[in-house]
Every structure is written in C-alpha cells, then in structure tokens.
Amino acid sequence: MVVITIGLGWSVPLVMIAGIIGSFFRGRYVCGNLCPRGSFLDRILAKVSPGKHIPDFFRGMPFRILIMVLLMGFMFFRGAADPTNVYHWGSVFWMMCLVTTGIAVILGTAIHQRSWCSFCPIGTMQNMIGGQKDQLAMAADSCKECKLCEKACPFDLAIVQYKDLKQIPNRDCLKCSECISACPRNSLSWSQA
C-alpha cells in the first residue's frame, strides 16, 4: 500500500506539473504524447470505444472550468485534512487518479475514448496557457478533403473545415501528429507560433 500511495500517488502531481509546464511550449503536447492515461485511452480503450462525436458541451469552457474548480477544490479540501503528511497526500492523489480514470473509462466506453480529455482539468489549463502554440497548418491547395486526417485524430477534432484558413485554430489539438501521418497528400504540418 505504501508503494501505491507514495510512489504511484506522487507520480500524479508530477504528470500534472509536466502538463502545465509543457503547455507554455507546445500547448497540449503532453496530453497527446506523454500522458499515461491518454496513452491508455488511445491504445487500449479505443478498441472498445464506439467512437461517437464528443459532445460540444464537454468542450465548452464554462463546463470545463466548473469541473476544474470542483476537482482541484476537492483535492485540496481532502489534502487539508492532514496537510503535512506525505502519505496522506499520496493517497489523495491516488484516489483522484482512480476516480478520474473511472470516469474516463465510463465515458470512453459509452461515447469516445478521449471524452474525459475534453474537460480534464490539466488539459483545460494547457488549452488556456498555450493552446495557440504550434498550431496545425494545412496546405489548402493539396488537400482533397478526404477527411482521413479527421478519422485518425484521437480527439475527434474538425480539421478539413479550416482548409481555407490554412491553419487549424483549435486550442485543444493534442499535437500527436496522427493526422499528419494519415494524410496521403502531406497537406498537414506544424506551424511555429
């Protein structure tokens, strides 16, 4: 039990901090490339997920901020019960991870594997801090609107509709490069912002 609460429990804030720091450089890059839960959702849960459209309500900032305030507030409230006890904080982090992973699995098997990620508190912070960083660029003249990029996107983002803008202005892009790999015409690339 000590290994779980101290070792695994304290790995949770390390991942959270990595996500927040990473957002200053590449937005939600950590979510799409380094997050252990995101990897689980994309590589394992995606196999049983129905892949429905993630509800726009989940992506709305008022809902996301509400969830962030509630979860972070609850975490600090629980931690304040014994604020100097490292073991206690480890168990709080571990319990928060268990609960939010449970929510992610339920939503992933009912809607889309990355439904949780659309309102994850750390993802919301990454959106607010660095969502404009390194946006996906599109060579509009070579795009034939086949939408293979959208089918490959693990976050169910619209890409082709922004063709005329030559840049995809979505602050929640995970920077995973799945869409770039899926494009048969090499129409997508990373811009520097």
Protein backbone atom coordinates (compact mmCIF):
# COMPACT_ATOMS: atom_id res chain seq x y z
CA MET A 1 0.00 0.00 0.00
CA VAL A 2 2.90 2.36 0.71
CA VAL A 3 4.21 1.86 -2.83
CA ILE A 4 0.83 2.82 -4.28
CA THR A 5 0.21 5.89 -2.13
CA ILE A 6 3.74 7.22 -2.07
CA GLY A 7 5.16 6.01 -5.40
CA LEU A 8 2.16 5.98 -7.70
CA GLY A 9 0.25 8.63 -5.76
CA TRP A 10 3.05 11.16 -6.04
CA SER A 11 3.53 10.40 -9.72
CA VAL A 12 0.13 12.05 -10.32
CA PRO A 13 1.21 15.62 -9.45
CA LEU A 14 4.43 15.08 -11.40
CA VAL A 15 2.40 14.33 -14.55
CA MET A 16 0.14 17.29 -13.79
CA ILE A 17 3.11 19.63 -13.40
CA ALA A 18 4.70 18.29 -16.61
CA GLY A 19 1.46 19.05 -18.45
CA ILE A 20 1.27 22.59 -17.13
CA ILE A 21 4.94 23.36 -17.84
CA GLY A 22 4.73 21.75 -21.29
CA SER A 23 1.75 23.93 -22.21
CA PHE A 24 3.98 27.02 -22.23
CA PHE A 25 5.94 25.47 -25.11
CA ARG A 26 3.54 23.33 -27.18
CA GLY A 27 0.01 23.57 -25.78
CA ARG A 28 -1.50 20.13 -25.19
CA TYR A 29 1.55 18.21 -26.44
CA VAL A 30 1.93 16.39 -23.10
CA CYS A 31 -1.69 15.14 -23.38
CA GLY A 32 -1.09 13.65 -26.81
CA ASN A 33 2.41 12.28 -26.32
CA LEU A 34 3.35 11.82 -22.66
CA CYS A 35 0.18 11.40 -20.58
CA PRO A 36 -0.08 7.79 -19.29
CA ARG A 37 -3.88 7.98 -19.18
CA GLY A 38 -4.02 9.38 -22.71
CA SER A 39 -1.87 6.50 -23.95
CA PHE A 40 -4.17 4.01 -22.25
CA LEU A 41 -7.23 5.68 -23.78
CA ASP A 42 -5.75 5.75 -27.30
CA ARG A 43 -4.08 2.34 -27.37
CA ILE A 44 -6.40 0.16 -25.27
CA LEU A 45 -9.77 1.78 -24.61
CA ALA A 46 -10.11 2.93 -28.24
CA LYS A 47 -10.53 -0.74 -29.21
CA VAL A 48 -13.87 -0.93 -27.36
CA SER A 49 -14.99 2.68 -27.69
CA PRO A 50 -17.91 3.39 -30.04
CA GLY A 51 -16.06 6.47 -31.33
CA LYS A 52 -19.09 8.75 -31.25
CA HIS A 53 -18.70 12.52 -31.53
CA ILE A 54 -17.53 14.07 -28.24
CA PRO A 55 -20.39 16.32 -27.09
CA ASP A 56 -19.72 20.02 -27.64
CA PHE A 57 -20.95 20.62 -24.07
CA PHE A 58 -17.87 18.76 -22.76
CA ARG A 59 -15.61 21.07 -24.76
CA GLY A 60 -17.33 24.27 -23.60
CA MET A 61 -15.15 26.42 -21.34
CA PRO A 62 -17.83 27.09 -18.67
CA PHE A 63 -18.26 23.33 -18.08
CA ARG A 64 -14.51 22.74 -18.16
CA ILE A 65 -13.77 25.49 -15.65
CA LEU A 66 -16.53 24.19 -13.36
CA ILE A 67 -15.01 20.68 -13.43
CA MET A 68 -11.52 22.08 -12.86
CA VAL A 69 -12.64 24.14 -9.85
CA LEU A 70 -14.61 21.24 -8.37
CA LEU A 71 -11.86 18.63 -8.77
CA MET A 72 -8.98 20.85 -7.70
CA GLY A 73 -11.03 22.21 -4.81
CA PHE A 74 -11.94 18.70 -3.68
CA MET A 75 -8.31 17.59 -3.94
CA PHE A 76 -7.09 20.47 -1.75
CA PHE A 77 -10.01 20.01 0.66
CA ARG A 78 -9.10 16.34 1.13
CA GLY A 79 -5.40 17.13 1.41
CA ALA A 80 -6.06 19.81 4.04
CA ALA A 81 -7.31 17.10 6.43
CA ASP A 82 -3.65 16.26 7.14
CA PRO A 83 -1.59 18.84 5.23
CA THR A 84 1.88 17.84 6.41
CA ASN A 85 1.50 14.09 5.91
CA VAL A 86 3.21 12.94 2.70
CA TYR A 87 1.46 9.56 2.89
CA HIS A 88 -1.94 11.26 3.19
CA TRP A 89 -1.30 13.49 0.15
CA GLY A 90 -0.13 10.44 -1.82
CA SER A 91 -3.40 8.68 -1.04
CA VAL A 92 -5.39 11.80 -2.04
CA PHE A 93 -3.56 11.96 -5.38
CA TRP A 94 -4.02 8.22 -5.93
CA MET A 95 -7.75 8.40 -5.13
CA MET A 96 -8.22 11.37 -7.50
CA CYS A 97 -6.42 9.43 -10.23
CA LEU A 98 -8.58 6.35 -9.61
CA VAL A 99 -11.84 8.33 -9.68
CA THR A 100 -10.99 10.34 -12.80
CA THR A 101 -9.72 7.23 -14.60
CA GLY A 102 -13.03 5.54 -13.75
CA ILE A 103 -14.88 8.49 -15.29
CA ALA A 104 -12.60 8.31 -18.35
CA VAL A 105 -13.32 4.58 -18.82
CA ILE A 106 -17.08 5.01 -18.44
CA LEU A 107 -17.22 7.91 -20.91
CA GLY A 108 -14.75 6.16 -23.23
CA THR A 109 -16.84 3.01 -23.47
CA ALA A 110 -20.10 4.98 -23.85
CA ILE A 111 -19.06 7.85 -26.15
CA HIS A 112 -15.46 8.32 -27.30
CA GLN A 113 -12.15 7.18 -25.84
CA ARG A 114 -10.95 10.77 -25.27
CA SER A 115 -14.24 12.17 -23.88
CA TRP A 116 -12.64 12.71 -20.46
CA CYS A 117 -9.75 14.60 -22.03
CA SER A 118 -12.12 17.20 -23.43
CA PHE A 119 -12.68 18.54 -19.89
CA CYS A 120 -9.68 17.20 -17.97
CA PRO A 121 -8.53 19.99 -15.61
CA ILE A 122 -4.90 19.79 -16.72
CA GLY A 123 -5.94 19.74 -20.39
CA THR A 124 -8.11 22.79 -19.73
CA MET A 125 -5.12 24.57 -18.19
CA GLN A 126 -2.98 23.58 -21.17
CA ASN A 127 -5.64 24.98 -23.51
CA MET A 128 -5.73 28.30 -21.63
CA ILE A 129 -1.95 28.66 -21.28
CA GLY A 130 -0.60 27.50 -24.63
CA GLY A 131 -3.45 26.49 -26.90
CA GLN A 132 -2.26 28.88 -29.60
CA LYS A 133 1.24 27.33 -29.70
CA ASP A 134 2.42 25.29 -32.67
CA GLN A 135 -0.91 25.09 -34.49
CA LEU A 136 -1.53 22.60 -37.26
CA ALA A 137 -1.00 24.15 -40.69
CA MET A 138 -2.67 22.99 -43.90
CA ALA A 139 -1.53 23.38 -47.50
CA ALA A 140 -5.03 24.11 -48.82
CA ASP A 141 -4.10 23.59 -52.47
CA SER A 142 -3.06 19.97 -51.92
CA CYS A 143 -5.92 18.98 -49.57
CA LYS A 144 -8.61 16.95 -51.33
CA GLU A 145 -10.95 16.87 -48.29
CA CYS A 146 -10.78 13.08 -47.91
CA LYS A 147 -11.03 13.56 -44.11
CA LEU A 148 -8.57 10.75 -43.36
CA CYS A 149 -6.90 13.24 -41.01
CA GLU A 150 -10.12 13.65 -39.03
CA LYS A 151 -10.64 9.89 -38.85
CA ALA A 152 -7.12 9.50 -37.47
CA CYS A 153 -7.49 12.27 -34.87
CA PRO A 154 -7.79 10.61 -31.44
CA PHE A 155 -9.53 13.72 -30.11
CA ASP A 156 -12.34 13.93 -32.68
CA LEU A 157 -11.31 17.37 -33.93
CA ALA A 158 -12.56 19.04 -37.10
CA ILE A 159 -9.67 19.75 -39.45
CA VAL A 160 -10.86 20.00 -43.06
CA GLN A 161 -13.39 22.78 -42.38
CA TYR A 162 -10.45 25.12 -41.69
CA LYS A 163 -8.82 24.43 -45.04
CA ASP A 164 -9.27 27.99 -46.31
CA LEU A 165 -7.66 29.43 -43.16
CA LYS A 166 -4.53 27.34 -43.87
CA GLN A 167 -4.23 26.81 -40.12
CA ILE A 168 -6.37 24.77 -37.73
CA PRO A 169 -7.23 27.18 -34.86
CA ASN A 170 -8.15 24.50 -32.33
CA ARG A 171 -6.57 25.15 -28.94
CA ASP A 172 -7.22 21.54 -27.88
CA CYS A 173 -5.12 19.82 -30.54
CA LEU A 174 -3.04 17.15 -28.78
CA LYS A 175 -0.02 17.59 -31.09
CA CYS A 176 0.10 13.82 -31.55
CA SER A 177 0.77 14.03 -35.32
CA GLU A 178 -1.71 11.20 -36.10
CA CYS A 179 -3.46 13.43 -38.66
CA ILE A 180 -0.16 14.35 -40.32
CA SER A 181 0.74 10.66 -40.68
CA ALA A 182 -2.71 9.83 -42.08
CA CYS A 183 -2.73 12.50 -44.79
CA PRO A 184 -1.91 10.84 -48.14
CA ARG A 185 -1.04 14.21 -49.74
CA ASN A 186 1.25 15.58 -47.00
CA SER A 187 -1.05 18.60 -46.61
CA LEU A 188 -0.56 18.96 -42.86
CA SER A 189 2.41 20.18 -40.85
CA TRP A 190 3.25 22.02 -37.65
CA SER A 191 3.50 25.80 -37.75
CA GLN A 192 5.50 27.74 -35.20
CA ALA A 193 3.53 30.26 -33.09
